[in-house]
């Protein structure tokens, strides 16, 4: 059994705003970061994923301020 995810991040067929485009880019980066951490287990995995989530949240907040 493979631990690799085989799903694709859904991309909207039409982006309605620059904010939507930025959010989509942030989510795509977070997805790639998560893929990079798939070999981690236990506390290392939890810590890594928390950092990915915190980074994505910070980037979304920053994009909304601009």
N, C-alpha and C. Protein backbone atom coordinates (compact mmCIF):
# COMPACT_ATOMS: atom_id res chain seq x y z
N UNK A 1 0.84 -1.18 0.00
CA UNK A 1 0.00 0.00 0.00
C UNK A 1 0.88 1.24 0.00
N UNK A 2 0.60 2.14 -0.86
CA UNK A 2 1.39 3.36 -0.98
C UNK A 2 0.86 4.43 -0.05
N UNK A 3 1.76 5.21 0.53
CA UNK A 3 1.34 6.32 1.38
C UNK A 3 1.17 7.60 0.57
N UNK A 4 1.51 7.54 -0.70
CA UNK A 4 1.42 8.73 -1.57
C UNK A 4 -0.04 9.00 -1.94
N UNK A 5 -0.45 10.25 -1.81
CA UNK A 5 -1.80 10.63 -2.18
C UNK A 5 -1.88 10.73 -3.69
N UNK A 6 -3.00 10.27 -4.24
CA UNK A 6 -3.17 10.30 -5.68
C UNK A 6 -4.23 11.29 -6.13
N UNK A 7 -4.63 12.19 -5.26
CA UNK A 7 -5.64 13.16 -5.67
C UNK A 7 -4.98 14.45 -6.13
N UNK A 8 -5.67 15.14 -6.95
CA UNK A 8 -5.18 16.43 -7.45
C UNK A 8 -5.95 17.53 -6.76
N UNK A 9 -5.26 18.65 -6.54
CA UNK A 9 -5.93 19.81 -5.98
C UNK A 9 -6.83 20.36 -7.07
N UNK A 10 -8.11 20.48 -6.74
CA UNK A 10 -9.04 20.96 -7.77
C UNK A 10 -8.76 22.42 -8.08
N UNK A 11 -8.78 22.72 -9.34
CA UNK A 11 -8.54 24.08 -9.80
C UNK A 11 -9.84 24.60 -10.38
N UNK A 12 -10.29 25.77 -9.92
CA UNK A 12 -11.52 26.32 -10.48
C UNK A 12 -11.32 26.64 -11.96
N UNK A 13 -12.37 26.44 -12.74
CA UNK A 13 -12.24 26.71 -14.16
C UNK A 13 -12.15 28.20 -14.43
N UNK A 14 -12.66 29.00 -13.52
CA UNK A 14 -12.61 30.45 -13.70
C UNK A 14 -12.31 31.09 -12.35
N UNK A 15 -11.25 31.86 -12.26
CA UNK A 15 -10.89 32.54 -11.03
C UNK A 15 -11.54 33.91 -11.05
N UNK A 16 -12.27 34.22 -9.99
CA UNK A 16 -13.05 35.45 -10.00
C UNK A 16 -12.28 36.68 -9.53
N UNK A 17 -11.17 36.49 -8.84
CA UNK A 17 -10.43 37.65 -8.36
C UNK A 17 -8.97 37.31 -8.12
N UNK A 18 -8.17 38.35 -7.95
CA UNK A 18 -6.76 38.15 -7.63
C UNK A 18 -6.61 37.44 -6.29
N UNK A 19 -7.53 37.73 -5.35
CA UNK A 19 -7.50 37.07 -4.04
C UNK A 19 -7.72 35.57 -4.19
N UNK A 20 -8.66 35.18 -5.05
CA UNK A 20 -8.91 33.76 -5.30
C UNK A 20 -7.67 33.10 -5.90
N UNK A 21 -7.02 33.78 -6.82
CA UNK A 21 -5.82 33.25 -7.45
C UNK A 21 -4.71 33.06 -6.42
N UNK A 22 -4.51 34.04 -5.55
CA UNK A 22 -3.49 33.95 -4.50
C UNK A 22 -3.81 32.82 -3.54
N UNK A 23 -5.07 32.69 -3.15
CA UNK A 23 -5.47 31.61 -2.25
C UNK A 23 -5.22 30.26 -2.89
N UNK A 24 -5.54 30.11 -4.17
CA UNK A 24 -5.30 28.85 -4.89
C UNK A 24 -3.81 28.52 -4.92
N UNK A 25 -2.97 29.53 -5.13
CA UNK A 25 -1.52 29.31 -5.13
C UNK A 25 -1.02 28.88 -3.77
N UNK A 26 -1.55 29.48 -2.71
CA UNK A 26 -1.17 29.12 -1.35
C UNK A 26 -1.57 27.69 -1.04
N UNK A 27 -2.78 27.31 -1.42
CA UNK A 27 -3.24 25.94 -1.19
C UNK A 27 -2.42 24.93 -1.98
N UNK A 28 -2.04 25.28 -3.20
CA UNK A 28 -1.22 24.38 -4.01
C UNK A 28 0.15 24.19 -3.38
N UNK A 29 0.73 25.27 -2.85
CA UNK A 29 2.03 25.16 -2.18
C UNK A 29 1.91 24.30 -0.93
N UNK A 30 0.85 24.50 -0.15
CA UNK A 30 0.64 23.70 1.06
C UNK A 30 0.49 22.22 0.70
N UNK A 31 -0.20 21.94 -0.40
CA UNK A 31 -0.36 20.56 -0.85
C UNK A 31 0.99 19.95 -1.21
N UNK A 32 1.82 20.70 -1.94
CA UNK A 32 3.16 20.20 -2.29
C UNK A 32 4.00 20.00 -1.04
N UNK A 33 3.91 20.92 -0.08
CA UNK A 33 4.65 20.79 1.17
C UNK A 33 4.23 19.53 1.93
N UNK A 34 2.93 19.26 1.94
CA UNK A 34 2.44 18.07 2.62
C UNK A 34 2.96 16.81 1.93
N UNK A 35 2.98 16.81 0.61
CA UNK A 35 3.53 15.67 -0.13
C UNK A 35 4.99 15.45 0.26
N UNK A 36 5.73 16.53 0.45
CA UNK A 36 7.15 16.43 0.80
C UNK A 36 7.33 15.80 2.18
N UNK A 37 6.35 15.93 3.06
CA UNK A 37 6.46 15.40 4.41
C UNK A 37 5.82 14.04 4.61
N UNK A 38 5.43 13.37 3.54
CA UNK A 38 4.72 12.09 3.68
C UNK A 38 5.55 11.00 4.35
N UNK A 39 6.85 11.09 4.32
CA UNK A 39 7.69 10.07 4.94
C UNK A 39 7.78 10.21 6.45
N UNK A 40 7.28 11.30 6.99
CA UNK A 40 7.36 11.54 8.43
C UNK A 40 6.28 10.76 9.16
N UNK A 41 6.55 10.42 10.40
CA UNK A 41 5.59 9.69 11.23
C UNK A 41 5.57 10.29 12.64
N UNK A 42 4.50 10.04 13.33
CA UNK A 42 4.38 10.43 14.74
C UNK A 42 4.47 11.93 14.96
N UNK A 43 5.19 12.30 16.00
CA UNK A 43 5.31 13.71 16.40
C UNK A 43 5.98 14.55 15.33
N UNK A 44 6.95 13.97 14.61
CA UNK A 44 7.61 14.72 13.53
C UNK A 44 6.60 15.11 12.47
N UNK A 45 5.71 14.20 12.12
CA UNK A 45 4.68 14.48 11.11
C UNK A 45 3.73 15.57 11.61
N UNK A 46 3.29 15.45 12.87
CA UNK A 46 2.37 16.44 13.42
C UNK A 46 2.99 17.83 13.44
N UNK A 47 4.24 17.91 13.85
CA UNK A 47 4.95 19.19 13.89
C UNK A 47 5.10 19.77 12.49
N UNK A 48 5.49 18.94 11.54
CA UNK A 48 5.66 19.39 10.16
C UNK A 48 4.34 19.92 9.60
N UNK A 49 3.26 19.17 9.77
CA UNK A 49 1.97 19.58 9.23
C UNK A 49 1.44 20.84 9.91
N UNK A 50 1.71 20.99 11.20
CA UNK A 50 1.32 22.22 11.89
C UNK A 50 2.03 23.42 11.28
N UNK A 51 3.33 23.25 10.97
CA UNK A 51 4.08 24.34 10.34
C UNK A 51 3.54 24.67 8.96
N UNK A 52 3.18 23.66 8.18
CA UNK A 52 2.61 23.89 6.85
C UNK A 52 1.30 24.66 6.98
N UNK A 53 0.45 24.25 7.90
CA UNK A 53 -0.83 24.92 8.11
C UNK A 53 -0.64 26.35 8.59
N UNK A 54 0.25 26.56 9.54
CA UNK A 54 0.52 27.91 10.04
C UNK A 54 1.04 28.81 8.92
N UNK A 55 1.94 28.27 8.08
CA UNK A 55 2.48 29.05 6.96
C UNK A 55 1.37 29.42 5.99
N UNK A 56 0.50 28.47 5.66
CA UNK A 56 -0.59 28.75 4.73
C UNK A 56 -1.54 29.79 5.30
N UNK A 57 -1.87 29.68 6.57
CA UNK A 57 -2.76 30.67 7.20
C UNK A 57 -2.14 32.06 7.18
N UNK A 58 -0.83 32.14 7.47
CA UNK A 58 -0.16 33.43 7.49
C UNK A 58 -0.13 34.04 6.10
N UNK A 59 0.11 33.21 5.08
CA UNK A 59 0.15 33.71 3.71
C UNK A 59 -1.22 34.19 3.26
N UNK A 60 -2.29 33.50 3.66
CA UNK A 60 -3.65 33.93 3.31
C UNK A 60 -3.96 35.26 3.99
N UNK A 61 -3.62 35.37 5.28
CA UNK A 61 -3.87 36.62 6.02
C UNK A 61 -3.11 37.78 5.38
N UNK A 62 -1.87 37.55 4.99
CA UNK A 62 -1.06 38.59 4.36
C UNK A 62 -1.66 38.99 3.01
N UNK A 63 -2.11 38.01 2.25
CA UNK A 63 -2.70 38.30 0.93
C UNK A 63 -3.98 39.11 1.09
N UNK A 64 -4.75 38.86 2.13
CA UNK A 64 -6.00 39.59 2.35
C UNK A 64 -5.74 41.03 2.76
N UNK A 65 -4.59 41.29 3.40
CA UNK A 65 -4.25 42.66 3.81
C UNK A 65 -3.81 43.52 2.64
N UNK A 66 -3.25 42.89 1.62
CA UNK A 66 -2.72 43.65 0.47
C UNK A 66 -3.80 44.16 -0.43
